[in-house]
Amino acid sequence: MEDFKAVIRERYGENHRIIGDCDKELAVKCVNGTFVGVKEGDVISY
């Protein structure tokens, strides 16, 4: 698993801390970090 994490870090870089206001209900946690979406009407974009 550590090798996989190293490959992800090398390919995509380090994760950055989420700053500012965000809607925690639109946050999705995955292997390479937490992504926070933006909702516009019925569409959520990440």
Protein backbone atom coordinates (compact mmCIF):
# COMPACT_ATOMS: atom_id res chain seq x y z
CA MET A 1 0.00 0.00 0.00
CA GLU A 2 2.87 2.40 0.75
CA ASP A 3 4.24 1.96 -2.80
CA PHE A 4 0.82 2.88 -4.18
CA LYS A 5 0.73 6.04 -2.05
CA ALA A 6 4.22 6.99 -3.24
CA VAL A 7 3.14 6.61 -6.88
CA ILE A 8 0.06 8.78 -6.25
CA ARG A 9 2.17 11.47 -4.53
CA GLU A 10 4.67 11.42 -7.39
CA ARG A 11 1.99 11.63 -10.07
CA TYR A 12 -0.38 14.14 -8.46
CA GLY A 13 1.69 15.92 -5.80
CA GLU A 14 0.93 16.41 -2.14
CA ASN A 15 -2.58 17.13 -0.92
CA HIS A 16 -3.29 20.67 0.17
CA ARG A 17 -5.25 21.70 3.21
CA ILE A 18 -8.82 22.85 2.49
CA ILE A 19 -9.18 26.48 3.53
CA GLY A 20 -12.19 28.75 3.66
CA ASP A 21 -15.84 27.83 3.92
CA CYS A 22 -16.97 24.64 2.29
CA ASP A 23 -20.06 22.46 2.35
CA LYS A 24 -18.89 19.34 4.18
CA GLU A 25 -21.84 17.41 2.72
CA LEU A 26 -20.21 17.81 -0.72
CA ALA A 27 -16.86 16.42 0.47
CA VAL A 28 -15.74 13.02 -0.79
CA LYS A 29 -12.76 11.26 0.78
CA CYS A 30 -10.69 8.93 -1.37
CA VAL A 31 -7.21 7.43 -1.52
CA ASN A 32 -5.52 10.60 -2.72
CA GLY A 33 -7.33 13.09 -0.51
CA THR A 34 -10.63 14.78 0.16
CA PHE A 35 -12.37 16.54 -2.69
CA VAL A 36 -14.92 19.28 -2.04
CA GLY A 37 -17.58 19.87 -4.66
CA VAL A 38 -19.46 22.95 -5.73
CA LYS A 39 -23.21 22.64 -6.28
CA GLU A 40 -24.91 24.67 -8.99
CA GLY A 41 -28.58 23.79 -9.36
CA ASP A 42 -28.79 19.98 -9.54
CA VAL A 43 -25.14 19.54 -10.63
CA ILE A 44 -22.20 18.92 -8.27
CA SER A 45 -18.74 19.49 -9.76
CA TYR A 46 -15.45 18.34 -8.20
